[in-house]
C-alpha atoms as a PDB file:
ATOM      1  CA  UNK A   1     -17.710  -0.446   1.347  1.00  0.00           C
ATOM      2  CA  UNK A   2     -16.246  -2.745   3.551  1.00  0.00           C
ATOM      3  CA  UNK A   3     -15.220  -1.794   7.886  1.00  0.00           C
ATOM      4  CA  UNK A   4     -15.026  -3.469  10.886  1.00  0.00           C
ATOM      5  CA  UNK A   5     -13.543  -2.680  14.070  1.00  0.00           C
ATOM      6  CA  UNK A   6     -11.906  -5.683  16.290  1.00  0.00           C
ATOM      7  CA  UNK A   7      -9.521  -6.044  18.908  1.00  0.00           C
ATOM      8  CA  UNK A   8      -7.585  -9.060  19.544  1.00  0.00           C
ATOM      9  CA  UNK A   9      -5.852  -9.473  23.609  1.00  0.00           C
ATOM     10  CA  UNK A  10      -1.939  -9.146  22.937  1.00  0.00           C
ATOM     11  CA  UNK A  11      -0.290 -12.438  22.326  1.00  0.00           C
ATOM     12  CA  UNK A  12      -3.419 -13.739  21.324  1.00  0.00           C
ATOM     13  CA  UNK A  13      -3.226 -12.584  17.500  1.00  0.00           C
ATOM     14  CA  UNK A  14      -5.562 -14.002  15.554  1.00  0.00           C
ATOM     15  CA  UNK A  15      -6.572 -13.256  11.812  1.00  0.00           C
ATOM     16  CA  UNK A  16      -9.557 -13.849   9.779  1.00  0.00           C
ATOM     17  CA  UNK A  17     -12.268 -13.224   7.289  1.00  0.00           C
ATOM     18  CA  UNK A  18     -13.491 -10.096   9.439  1.00  0.00           C
ATOM     19  CA  UNK A  19     -10.811  -7.293   9.472  1.00  0.00           C
ATOM     20  CA  UNK A  20      -8.113  -6.351  12.864  1.00  0.00           C
ATOM     21  CA  UNK A  21      -8.713  -2.570  13.247  1.00  0.00           C
ATOM     22  CA  UNK A  22      -6.726  -1.436  16.318  1.00  0.00           C
ATOM     23  CA  UNK A  23      -9.301   1.046  17.593  1.00  0.00           C
ATOM     24  CA  UNK A  24      -6.846   4.393  17.520  1.00  0.00           C
ATOM     25  CA  UNK A  25      -7.085   4.226  13.499  1.00  0.00           C
ATOM     26  CA  UNK A  26      -9.437   6.184  11.968  1.00  0.00           C
ATOM     27  CA  UNK A  27     -10.581   4.727   8.707  1.00  0.00           C
ATOM     28  CA  UNK A  28     -13.281   6.806   6.516  1.00  0.00           C
ATOM     29  CA  UNK A  29     -14.344   5.308   3.161  1.00  0.00           C
ATOM     30  CA  UNK A  30     -11.903   1.884   2.985  1.00  0.00           C
ATOM     31  CA  UNK A  31     -12.360  -1.109   1.745  1.00  0.00           C
ATOM     32  CA  UNK A  32     -10.411  -3.713   3.881  1.00  0.00           C
ATOM     33  CA  UNK A  33     -10.918  -7.259   2.492  1.00  0.00           C
ATOM     34  CA  UNK A  34     -10.027 -10.498   4.429  1.00  0.00           C
ATOM     35  CA  UNK A  35      -7.083 -11.467   6.779  1.00  0.00           C
ATOM     36  CA  UNK A  36      -6.186  -8.004   7.143  1.00  0.00           C
ATOM     37  CA  UNK A  37      -4.362  -6.011   9.653  1.00  0.00           C
ATOM     38  CA  UNK A  38      -4.339  -2.005  10.419  1.00  0.00           C
ATOM     39  CA  UNK A  39      -2.179  -1.237  12.687  1.00  0.00           C
ATOM     40  CA  UNK A  40      -2.150   1.945  16.071  1.00  0.00           C
ATOM     41  CA  UNK A  41      -2.940   5.454  15.339  1.00  0.00           C
ATOM     42  CA  UNK A  42      -3.544   4.930  11.284  1.00  0.00           C
ATOM     43  CA  UNK A  43      -4.789   7.013   9.049  1.00  0.00           C
ATOM     44  CA  UNK A  44      -6.975   6.144   6.307  1.00  0.00           C
ATOM     45  CA  UNK A  45      -9.194   7.885   3.745  1.00  0.00           C
ATOM     46  CA  UNK A  46     -10.613   6.616   0.577  1.00  0.00           C
ATOM     47  CA  UNK A  47      -8.476   4.175  -0.776  1.00  0.00           C
ATOM     48  CA  UNK A  48      -8.421   0.083  -1.145  1.00  0.00           C
ATOM     49  CA  UNK A  49      -6.314  -2.595   1.016  1.00  0.00           C
ATOM     50  CA  UNK A  50      -7.191  -5.862  -0.329  1.00  0.00           C
ATOM     51  CA  UNK A  51      -6.458  -9.451   1.671  1.00  0.00           C
ATOM     52  CA  UNK A  52      -3.990 -10.327   3.693  1.00  0.00           C
ATOM     53  CA  UNK A  53      -2.286  -7.246   3.771  1.00  0.00           C
ATOM     54  CA  UNK A  54      -0.957  -4.818   6.817  1.00  0.00           C
ATOM     55  CA  UNK A  55      -0.151  -1.454   8.084  1.00  0.00           C
ATOM     56  CA  UNK A  56       2.358  -0.993  10.933  1.00  0.00           C
ATOM     57  CA  UNK A  57       1.727   1.635  13.623  1.00  0.00           C
ATOM     58  CA  UNK A  58       1.239   6.093  12.616  1.00  0.00           C
ATOM     59  CA  UNK A  59       0.732   4.917   8.940  1.00  0.00           C
ATOM     60  CA  UNK A  60      -1.079   8.103   6.864  1.00  0.00           C
ATOM     61  CA  UNK A  61      -2.954   6.550   3.532  1.00  0.00           C
ATOM     62  CA  UNK A  62      -5.428   8.577   1.180  1.00  0.00           C
ATOM     63  CA  UNK A  63      -6.571   7.810  -2.767  1.00  0.00           C
ATOM     64  CA  UNK A  64      -4.681   4.376  -2.837  1.00  0.00           C
ATOM     65  CA  UNK A  65      -5.198   1.399  -3.640  1.00  0.00           C
ATOM     66  CA  UNK A  66      -3.013  -1.791  -2.280  1.00  0.00           C
ATOM     67  CA  UNK A  67      -3.107  -4.957  -3.778  1.00  0.00           C
ATOM     68  CA  UNK A  68      -2.738  -8.516  -1.846  1.00  0.00           C
ATOM     69  CA  UNK A  69      -0.227  -9.586   0.070  1.00  0.00           C
ATOM     70  CA  UNK A  70       1.504  -6.241   1.058  1.00  0.00           C
ATOM     71  CA  UNK A  71       3.683  -5.257   3.724  1.00  0.00           C
ATOM     72  CA  UNK A  72       3.331  -1.927   5.101  1.00  0.00           C
ATOM     73  CA  UNK A  73       5.865  -0.680   8.204  1.00  0.00           C
ATOM     74  CA  UNK A  74       5.127   1.803  10.506  1.00  0.00           C
ATOM     75  CA  UNK A  75       5.619   6.078   9.312  1.00  0.00           C
ATOM     76  CA  UNK A  76       4.667   5.435   5.908  1.00  0.00           C
ATOM     77  CA  UNK A  77       2.951   7.557   3.703  1.00  0.00           C
ATOM     78  CA  UNK A  78       1.119   7.274   1.107  1.00  0.00           C
ATOM     79  CA  UNK A  79      -0.187   9.720  -1.372  1.00  0.00           C
ATOM     80  CA  UNK A  80       1.002  12.791   0.574  1.00  0.00           C
ATOM     81  CA  UNK A  81      -0.897  16.685   0.299  1.00  0.00           C
ATOM     82  CA  UNK A  82       0.335  19.053  -2.936  1.00  0.00           C
ATOM     83  CA  UNK A  83       0.692  22.551  -2.998  1.00  0.00           C
ATOM     84  CA  UNK A  84      -0.376  23.884  -6.000  1.00  0.00           C
ATOM     85  CA  UNK A  85       3.669  25.657  -6.505  1.00  0.00           C
ATOM     86  CA  UNK A  86       2.359  27.398  -9.549  1.00  0.00           C
ATOM     87  CA  UNK A  87      -0.030  29.603  -8.024  1.00  0.00           C
ATOM     88  CA  UNK A  88       0.064  33.157  -6.268  1.00  0.00           C
ATOM     89  CA  UNK A  89       0.225  31.856  -3.430  1.00  0.00           C
ATOM     90  CA  UNK A  90       0.773  27.951  -1.782  1.00  0.00           C
ATOM     91  CA  UNK A  91      -1.423  28.279   0.944  1.00  0.00           C
ATOM     92  CA  UNK A  92      -4.657  26.333   1.265  1.00  0.00           C
ATOM     93  CA  UNK A  93      -6.372  29.066   1.732  1.00  0.00           C
ATOM     94  CA  UNK A  94      -7.022  29.256  -1.522  1.00  0.00           C
ATOM     95  CA  UNK A  95      -9.247  25.972  -1.772  1.00  0.00           C
ATOM     96  CA  UNK A  96     -10.060  25.230   2.123  1.00  0.00           C
ATOM     97  CA  UNK A  97     -11.425  29.089   2.420  1.00  0.00           C
ATOM     98  CA  UNK A  98     -14.566  28.080   3.474  1.00  0.00           C
ATOM     99  CA  UNK A  99     -11.521  27.972   7.247  1.00  0.00           C
ATOM    100  CA  UNK A 100     -10.946  31.614   5.870  1.00  0.00           C
ATOM    101  CA  UNK A 101     -14.221  32.982   5.363  1.00  0.00           C
ATOM    102  CA  UNK A 102     -13.897  32.780   1.882  1.00  0.00           C
ATOM    103  CA  UNK A 103     -16.662  31.280   0.607  1.00  0.00           C
ATOM    104  CA  UNK A 104     -17.177  27.188  -0.492  1.00  0.00           C
ATOM    105  CA  UNK A 105     -14.350  25.348  -1.177  1.00  0.00           C
ATOM    106  CA  UNK A 106     -12.766  24.727  -3.821  1.00  0.00           C
ATOM    107  CA  UNK A 107     -13.630  20.684  -5.038  1.00  0.00           C
ATOM    108  CA  UNK A 108     -11.849  20.962  -8.300  1.00  0.00           C
ATOM    109  CA  UNK A 109      -8.180  20.882  -6.274  1.00  0.00           C
ATOM    110  CA  UNK A 110      -9.462  17.899  -3.970  1.00  0.00           C
ATOM    111  CA  UNK A 111     -10.804  15.880  -7.337  1.00  0.00           C
ATOM    112  CA  UNK A 112      -7.033  16.433  -9.018  1.00  0.00           C
ATOM    113  CA  UNK A 113      -5.451  15.254  -6.117  1.00  0.00           C
ATOM    114  CA  UNK A 114      -7.989  11.960  -6.217  1.00  0.00           C
ATOM    115  CA  UNK A 115      -7.146  11.373  -9.708  1.00  0.00           C
ATOM    116  CA  UNK A 116      -3.373  10.617  -8.943  1.00  0.00           C
ATOM    117  CA  UNK A 117      -4.214   7.655  -7.357  1.00  0.00           C
ATOM    118  CA  UNK A 118      -0.986   5.512  -5.568  1.00  0.00           C
ATOM    119  CA  UNK A 119      -1.614   1.977  -6.981  1.00  0.00           C
ATOM    120  CA  UNK A 120       0.738  -0.593  -4.446  1.00  0.00           C
ATOM    121  CA  UNK A 121       0.619  -4.651  -6.496  1.00  0.00           C
ATOM    122  CA  UNK A 122       0.894  -7.561  -4.511  1.00  0.00           C
ATOM    123  CA  UNK A 123       3.773  -8.935  -2.290  1.00  0.00           C
ATOM    124  CA  UNK A 124       5.062  -5.535  -1.556  1.00  0.00           C
ATOM    125  CA  UNK A 125       6.920  -4.656   0.969  1.00  0.00           C
ATOM    126  CA  UNK A 126       7.215  -0.557   1.565  1.00  0.00           C
ATOM    127  CA  UNK A 127       9.794  -0.137   4.526  1.00  0.00           C
ATOM    128  CA  UNK A 128       9.355   2.189   7.882  1.00  0.00           C
ATOM    129  CA  UNK A 129       8.802   5.686   7.012  1.00  0.00           C
ATOM    130  CA  UNK A 130       8.698   5.458   2.853  1.00  0.00           C
ATOM    131  CA  UNK A 131       6.968   7.944   1.195  1.00  0.00           C
ATOM    132  CA  UNK A 132       4.932   7.552  -2.467  1.00  0.00           C
ATOM    133  CA  UNK A 133       4.399  10.125  -4.351  1.00  0.00           C
ATOM    134  CA  UNK A 134       0.766  10.914  -6.068  1.00  0.00           C
ATOM    135  CA  UNK A 135       0.209   9.078  -9.621  1.00  0.00           C
ATOM    136  CA  UNK A 136       3.350   6.481  -8.560  1.00  0.00           C
ATOM    137  CA  UNK A 137       2.623   2.915  -9.215  1.00  0.00           C
ATOM    138  CA  UNK A 138       4.413   0.007  -7.535  1.00  0.00           C
ATOM    139  CA  UNK A 139       5.089  -3.210  -9.160  1.00  0.00           C
ATOM    140  CA  UNK A 140       4.284  -6.823  -7.630  1.00  0.00           C
ATOM    141  CA  UNK A 141       6.869  -7.980  -5.422  1.00  0.00           C
ATOM    142  CA  UNK A 142       8.681  -5.116  -4.938  1.00  0.00           C
ATOM    143  CA  UNK A 143      10.378  -3.440  -1.890  1.00  0.00           C
ATOM    144  CA  UNK A 144      10.662  -0.025  -0.869  1.00  0.00           C
ATOM    145  CA  UNK A 145      13.898   0.985   0.792  1.00  0.00           C
ATOM    146  CA  UNK A 146      13.668   2.528   4.662  1.00  0.00           C
ATOM    147  CA  UNK A 147      13.278   6.168   4.341  1.00  0.00           C
ATOM    148  CA  UNK A 148      12.873   6.657   0.340  1.00  0.00           C
ATOM    149  CA  UNK A 149      10.899   9.220  -1.216  1.00  0.00           C
ATOM    150  CA  UNK A 150       9.722   7.454  -3.874  1.00  0.00           C
ATOM    151  CA  UNK A 151       8.862   9.390  -6.897  1.00  0.00           C
ATOM    152  CA  UNK A 152       8.468   6.996 -10.271  1.00  0.00           C
ATOM    153  CA  UNK A 153       6.446   3.867 -11.015  1.00  0.00           C
ATOM    154  CA  UNK A 154       8.781   1.468  -9.470  1.00  0.00           C
ATOM    155  CA  UNK A 155       9.229  -1.705 -11.872  1.00  0.00           C
ATOM    156  CA  UNK A 156       7.608  -5.462 -10.344  1.00  0.00           C
ATOM    157  CA  UNK A 157      10.509  -7.111  -7.979  1.00  0.00           C
ATOM    158  CA  UNK A 158      13.063  -4.128  -7.544  1.00  0.00           C
ATOM    159  CA  UNK A 159      14.686  -3.560  -4.526  1.00  0.00           C
ATOM    160  CA  UNK A 160      14.713   0.889  -4.968  1.00  0.00           C
ATOM    161  CA  UNK A 161      16.307   2.862  -2.138  1.00  0.00           C
ATOM    162  CA  UNK A 162      17.237   6.691  -1.739  1.00  0.00           C
ATOM    163  CA  UNK A 163      15.907  10.350  -2.242  1.00  0.00           C
ATOM    164  CA  UNK A 164      14.647   9.971  -4.865  1.00  0.00           C
ATOM    165  CA  UNK A 165      14.454   5.857  -4.718  1.00  0.00           C
ATOM    166  CA  UNK A 166      16.474   4.860  -7.598  1.00  0.00           C
ATOM    167  CA  UNK A 167      16.341   0.807  -8.299  1.00  0.00           C
ATOM    168  CA  UNK A 168      19.269  -0.791  -6.117  1.00  0.00           C
ATOM    169  CA  UNK A 169      18.503  -4.338  -7.635  1.00  0.00           C
ATOM    170  CA  UNK A 170      15.725  -7.159  -8.353  1.00  0.00           C
ATOM    171  CA  UNK A 171      14.964  -9.565  -5.885  1.00  0.00           C
ATOM    172  CA  UNK A 172      15.771 -12.254  -8.639  1.00  0.00           C
ATOM    173  CA  UNK A 173      16.490 -12.848 -12.777  1.00  0.00           C
ATOM    174  CA  UNK A 174      14.807 -11.491 -15.349  1.00  0.00           C
ATOM    175  CA  UNK A 175      13.514 -15.618 -16.067  1.00  0.00           C
ATOM    176  CA  UNK A 176      12.522 -15.470 -12.955  1.00  0.00           C
ATOM    177  CA  UNK A 177      10.688 -12.256 -12.231  1.00  0.00           C
ATOM    178  CA  UNK A 178       8.502 -13.717 -15.604  1.00  0.00           C
ATOM    179  CA  UNK A 179       6.980 -16.620 -14.186  1.00  0.00           C
ATOM    180  CA  UNK A 180       6.668 -15.318 -10.733  1.00  0.00           C
ATOM    181  CA  UNK A 181       3.734 -12.504 -12.143  1.00  0.00           C
ATOM    182  CA  UNK A 182       2.545 -15.540 -14.573  1.00  0.00           C
ATOM    183  CA  UNK A 183       1.602 -17.759 -11.402  1.00  0.00           C
ATOM    184  CA  UNK A 184       0.187 -14.979  -9.454  1.00  0.00           C
ATOM    185  CA  UNK A 185      -0.205 -17.062  -6.476  1.00  0.00           C
ATOM    186  CA  UNK A 186      -1.931 -14.237  -4.156  1.00  0.00           C
ATOM    187  CA  UNK A 187      -4.821 -14.660  -6.439  1.00  0.00           C
ATOM    188  CA  UNK A 188      -4.629 -18.591  -5.115  1.00  0.00           C
ATOM    189  CA  UNK A 189      -7.511 -19.556  -2.479  1.00  0.00           C
ATOM    190  CA  UNK A 190      -6.675 -19.262   1.009  1.00  0.00           C
ATOM    191  CA  UNK A 191      -6.834 -22.894   1.477  1.00  0.00           C
ATOM    192  CA  UNK A 192      -4.404 -23.518  -1.157  1.00  0.00           C
ATOM    193  CA  UNK A 193      -1.927 -21.669   0.134  1.00  0.00           C
ATOM    194  CA  UNK A 194      -2.294 -22.747   3.711  1.00  0.00           C
ATOM    195  CA  UNK A 195      -1.169 -26.335   1.373  1.00  0.00           C
ATOM    196  CA  UNK A 196       1.585 -24.992  -0.591  1.00  0.00           C
ATOM    197  CA  UNK A 197       3.478 -23.059   2.343  1.00  0.00           C
ATOM    198  CA  UNK A 198       6.403 -25.031   2.355  1.00  0.00           C
ATOM    199  CA  UNK A 199       6.692 -24.498  -1.057  1.00  0.00           C
ATOM    200  CA  UNK A 200       7.354 -20.757  -0.800  1.00  0.00           C
ATOM    201  CA  UNK A 201      10.866 -20.912   1.085  1.00  0.00           C
ATOM    202  CA  UNK A 202      12.615 -22.448  -2.270  1.00  0.00           C
ATOM    203  CA  UNK A 203      12.049 -19.509  -5.415  1.00  0.00           C
ATOM    204  CA  UNK A 204      13.536 -22.440  -8.232  1.00  0.00           C
ATOM    205  CA  UNK A 205      11.797 -25.151  -6.782  1.00  0.00           C
ATOM    206  CA  UNK A 206       8.152 -23.201  -6.851  1.00  0.00           C
ATOM    207  CA  UNK A 207       8.735 -22.142 -10.088  1.00  0.00           C
ATOM    208  CA  UNK A 208       9.271 -25.380 -11.774  1.00  0.00           C
ATOM    209  CA  UNK A 209       6.157 -26.876  -9.498  1.00  0.00           C
ATOM    210  CA  UNK A 210       3.533 -23.913 -10.363  1.00  0.00           C
ATOM    211  CA  UNK A 211       4.912 -22.131 -13.443  1.00  0.00           C
ATOM    212  CA  UNK A 212       3.227 -24.105 -15.998  1.00  0.00           C
ATOM    213  CA  UNK A 213      -0.114 -23.512 -14.800  1.00  0.00           C
END
């Protein structure tokens, strides 16, 4: 596990191989990659946030795997708590037993939640106040609209929105999507990305130039 705490003065922000983590955030048992930033008042537990990804303020993330270059807006929640609807009671006294003097907590319930990880692909944009349910996978390059509730897997480069979230459109046509998934630019070295920044602004030129390996 890598965990760093650092904070730069407003207006002088500069990312580095050491993550930039606002001191108001709580982070436990989480891997955080290079050139990452964690905003104010985040709560992150038992997750991984890979290189170049960032969160804005007031995000809640647990039991999630976040790839590279992921854009997470404010108030996003990944893997919210679930309650046992099939039991006679939904209340957490049935598994948080120690709080009520009923004995040891039911670890099997929490393990069930851990096994329903959220997986966020590379270059994903999660809009403001969006919610991704446990066990859901969001593919590379996808967009989740603001205030959406995502209950099913999201295809790469699709744009989804609504409650529950549905596909609105795709960012590119099938041919371009296939090429982008082959190129996997998010795995390029830091220096290479820096040299090729200008090419990102013309997608057709980008896939022509880098689509053959």
